[in-house]
Amino acid sequence: MKKTSSAFMLIEMLLVAAVLMIIAITMLKLYTKQAGVSINKETKEVATQAGVDTTNYQTTVDSVKGKLQDIQDKHFKELDGG
């Protein structure tokens, strides 16, 4: 009589573990990509509400520099008593 083993062999277990890891990595990449998109959308909305031009990178930088310069000028006027 032959004994039949009902347990998985080591190779089969390693194969299953590899497949599960590939699935987990794929899902993690999709999750982080989607989370990054939603954060960027929220950031863009807040920046637009604050009056920052978000057309492209350069206009965003220029707009933020202008806003910061205005804030700095306002604070200097307050410090000078004006």
Protein backbone atom coordinates (compact mmCIF):
# COMPACT_ATOMS: atom_id res chain seq x y z
CA MET A 1 0.00 0.00 0.00
CA LYS A 2 1.10 3.50 -0.86
CA LYS A 3 0.71 6.34 1.55
CA THR A 4 -0.82 9.44 0.01
CA SER A 5 0.02 12.79 1.51
CA SER A 6 -2.83 15.26 1.87
CA ALA A 7 -0.52 18.12 2.85
CA PHE A 8 1.06 20.54 0.40
CA MET A 9 4.60 19.91 -0.63
CA LEU A 10 7.19 22.61 -0.02
CA ILE A 11 7.36 23.65 -3.67
CA GLU A 12 3.60 24.08 -3.86
CA MET A 13 3.59 26.20 -0.72
CA LEU A 14 6.38 28.41 -2.09
CA LEU A 15 4.48 28.81 -5.35
CA VAL A 16 1.32 29.84 -3.53
CA ALA A 17 3.30 32.29 -1.38
CA ALA A 18 4.89 33.84 -4.49
CA VAL A 19 1.50 34.28 -6.18
CA LEU A 20 0.05 35.88 -3.05
CA MET A 21 3.02 38.25 -2.81
CA ILE A 22 2.60 39.30 -6.45
CA ILE A 23 -1.09 39.98 -5.86
CA ALA A 24 -0.35 41.93 -2.67
CA ILE A 25 2.32 44.07 -4.36
CA THR A 26 0.00 44.81 -7.29
CA MET A 27 -2.83 45.82 -4.97
CA LEU A 28 -0.51 47.99 -2.87
CA LYS A 29 0.74 49.82 -5.96
CA LEU A 30 -2.82 50.45 -7.13
CA TYR A 31 -3.85 51.67 -3.67
CA THR A 32 -0.94 54.07 -3.27
CA LYS A 33 -1.38 55.38 -6.82
CA GLN A 34 -5.07 56.07 -6.19
CA ALA A 35 -4.31 57.70 -2.82
CA GLY A 36 -1.74 59.96 -4.48
CA VAL A 37 -4.24 61.07 -7.12
CA SER A 38 -6.85 61.98 -4.54
CA ILE A 39 -4.33 63.93 -2.48
CA ASN A 40 -3.25 65.86 -5.57
CA LYS A 41 -6.87 66.67 -6.42
CA GLU A 42 -7.52 67.92 -2.89
CA THR A 43 -4.33 69.98 -2.92
CA LYS A 44 -5.21 71.47 -6.29
CA GLU A 45 -8.69 72.42 -5.06
CA VAL A 46 -7.32 74.11 -1.96
CA ALA A 47 -4.68 75.96 -3.97
CA THR A 48 -7.28 77.13 -6.47
CA GLN A 49 -9.50 78.39 -3.65
CA ALA A 50 -6.51 80.31 -2.28
CA GLY A 51 -6.08 81.99 -5.68
CA VAL A 52 -3.04 80.02 -6.86
CA ASP A 53 -2.86 79.39 -10.62
CA THR A 54 -2.43 75.62 -11.01
CA THR A 55 -2.31 75.48 -14.82
CA ASN A 56 1.18 73.97 -14.85
CA TYR A 57 4.23 73.74 -12.61
CA GLN A 58 5.79 77.08 -13.59
CA THR A 59 2.59 79.10 -13.20
CA THR A 60 2.00 77.45 -9.84
CA VAL A 61 5.50 78.38 -8.64
CA ASP A 62 5.17 81.95 -9.94
CA SER A 63 1.75 82.35 -8.37
CA VAL A 64 2.93 81.06 -4.99
CA LYS A 65 5.99 83.34 -5.12
CA GLY A 66 3.71 86.29 -5.80
CA LYS A 67 1.42 85.37 -2.91
CA LEU A 68 4.36 84.96 -0.54
CA GLN A 69 5.82 88.31 -1.64
CA ASP A 70 2.46 89.99 -0.97
CA ILE A 71 2.32 88.45 2.51
CA GLN A 72 5.89 89.53 3.23
CA ASP A 73 5.19 93.10 2.06
CA LYS A 74 2.07 93.23 4.23
CA HIS A 75 4.01 92.12 7.31
CA PHE A 76 6.80 94.65 6.67
CA LYS A 77 4.19 97.43 6.44
CA GLU A 78 2.68 96.29 9.74
CA LEU A 79 6.10 96.25 11.40
CA ASP A 80 6.88 99.75 10.12
CA GLY A 81 3.63 100.97 11.64
CA GLY A 82 1.92 101.64 8.34
